[in-house]
Amino acid sequence: MEQIQLDVLVEFMHPSFLELLKEEEKHVPIVLQDGLRDVSKTDVQEIVEAVIMERGKDFVCH
């Protein structure tokens, strides 16, 4: 297992996704079971989506 900050993972695998993340989302720790070697761009997309959804669930629109 390997722990890495989301911004490091995104910068390495899919840098264009960085602009989608808020500053606090970029620093979310991500645990990778097999390290970076088995992470695909699709995996990164799913991780980014999950972090955005998780961080945004407390946001209330008026």
C-alpha atoms as a PDB file:
ATOM      1  CA  MET A   1       0.000   0.000   0.000  1.00  0.00           C
ATOM      2  CA  GLU A   2       1.050   3.518  -0.732  1.00  0.00           C
ATOM      3  CA  GLN A   3      -0.415   6.824   0.434  1.00  0.00           C
ATOM      4  CA  ILE A   4      -0.176   9.824  -1.857  1.00  0.00           C
ATOM      5  CA  GLN A   5      -1.812  13.253  -2.012  1.00  0.00           C
ATOM      6  CA  LEU A   6      -4.417  13.595  -4.732  1.00  0.00           C
ATOM      7  CA  ASP A   7      -2.610  16.480  -6.449  1.00  0.00           C
ATOM      8  CA  VAL A   8       0.564  14.395  -6.813  1.00  0.00           C
ATOM      9  CA  LEU A   9      -1.391  11.512  -8.330  1.00  0.00           C
ATOM     10  CA  VAL A  10      -3.300  13.783 -10.707  1.00  0.00           C
ATOM     11  CA  GLU A  11      -0.166  15.701 -11.726  1.00  0.00           C
ATOM     12  CA  PHE A  12       1.550  12.411 -12.570  1.00  0.00           C
ATOM     13  CA  MET A  13      -1.351  10.684 -14.343  1.00  0.00           C
ATOM     14  CA  HIS A  14      -3.771  13.324 -15.686  1.00  0.00           C
ATOM     15  CA  PRO A  15      -2.557  16.929 -15.128  1.00  0.00           C
ATOM     16  CA  SER A  16      -5.531  18.508 -16.895  1.00  0.00           C
ATOM     17  CA  PHE A  17      -7.751  17.382 -13.989  1.00  0.00           C
ATOM     18  CA  LEU A  18      -5.922  19.688 -11.540  1.00  0.00           C
ATOM     19  CA  GLU A  19      -8.027  22.648 -12.646  1.00  0.00           C
ATOM     20  CA  LEU A  20     -11.176  20.770 -11.548  1.00  0.00           C
ATOM     21  CA  LEU A  21     -10.061  20.498  -7.927  1.00  0.00           C
ATOM     22  CA  LYS A  22     -10.425  23.015  -5.140  1.00  0.00           C
ATOM     23  CA  GLU A  23      -7.324  23.669  -3.057  1.00  0.00           C
ATOM     24  CA  GLU A  24      -8.537  21.539  -0.120  1.00  0.00           C
ATOM     25  CA  GLU A  25      -9.400  18.669  -2.487  1.00  0.00           C
ATOM     26  CA  LYS A  26      -5.875  18.642  -3.885  1.00  0.00           C
ATOM     27  CA  HIS A  27      -4.485  17.720  -0.461  1.00  0.00           C
ATOM     28  CA  VAL A  28      -6.759  14.742   0.186  1.00  0.00           C
ATOM     29  CA  PRO A  29      -4.685  11.631   0.968  1.00  0.00           C
ATOM     30  CA  ILE A  30      -5.320   8.705  -1.381  1.00  0.00           C
ATOM     31  CA  VAL A  31      -4.321   5.139  -0.519  1.00  0.00           C
ATOM     32  CA  LEU A  32      -3.264   2.999  -3.471  1.00  0.00           C
ATOM     33  CA  GLN A  33      -3.315  -0.734  -2.843  1.00  0.00           C
ATOM     34  CA  ASP A  34      -0.612  -1.573  -5.398  1.00  0.00           C
ATOM     35  CA  GLY A  35       1.050   1.814  -5.704  1.00  0.00           C
ATOM     36  CA  LEU A  36       1.160   3.829  -8.911  1.00  0.00           C
ATOM     37  CA  ARG A  37       2.055   0.947 -11.199  1.00  0.00           C
ATOM     38  CA  ASP A  38      -1.518  -0.327 -11.581  1.00  0.00           C
ATOM     39  CA  VAL A  39      -3.362   3.010 -11.657  1.00  0.00           C
ATOM     40  CA  SER A  40      -4.993   3.891 -14.986  1.00  0.00           C
ATOM     41  CA  LYS A  41      -6.296   7.229 -16.221  1.00  0.00           C
ATOM     42  CA  THR A  42      -9.802   5.862 -15.703  1.00  0.00           C
ATOM     43  CA  ASP A  43      -8.929   5.105 -12.073  1.00  0.00           C
ATOM     44  CA  VAL A  44      -7.702   8.683 -11.615  1.00  0.00           C
ATOM     45  CA  GLN A  45     -10.919  10.022 -13.137  1.00  0.00           C
ATOM     46  CA  GLU A  46     -13.010   7.916 -10.741  1.00  0.00           C
ATOM     47  CA  ILE A  47     -10.911   9.004  -7.752  1.00  0.00           C
ATOM     48  CA  VAL A  48     -11.238  12.692  -8.689  1.00  0.00           C
ATOM     49  CA  GLU A  49     -14.999  12.303  -9.138  1.00  0.00           C
ATOM     50  CA  ALA A  50     -15.317  10.571  -5.760  1.00  0.00           C
ATOM     51  CA  VAL A  51     -13.316  13.258  -3.950  1.00  0.00           C
ATOM     52  CA  ILE A  52     -15.344  16.053  -5.545  1.00  0.00           C
ATOM     53  CA  MET A  53     -18.605  14.304  -4.666  1.00  0.00           C
ATOM     54  CA  GLU A  54     -17.486  13.583  -1.088  1.00  0.00           C
ATOM     55  CA  ARG A  55     -16.249  17.120  -0.457  1.00  0.00           C
ATOM     56  CA  GLY A  56     -19.298  18.678  -2.102  1.00  0.00           C
ATOM     57  CA  LYS A  57     -21.979  16.750  -0.218  1.00  0.00           C
ATOM     58  CA  ASP A  58     -21.925  19.277   2.627  1.00  0.00           C
ATOM     59  CA  PHE A  59     -22.424  22.183   0.215  1.00  0.00           C
ATOM     60  CA  VAL A  60     -25.944  23.575   0.343  1.00  0.00           C
ATOM     61  CA  CYS A  61     -27.346  25.580  -2.577  1.00  0.00           C
ATOM     62  CA  HIS A  62     -29.829  28.333  -1.803  1.00  0.00           C
END
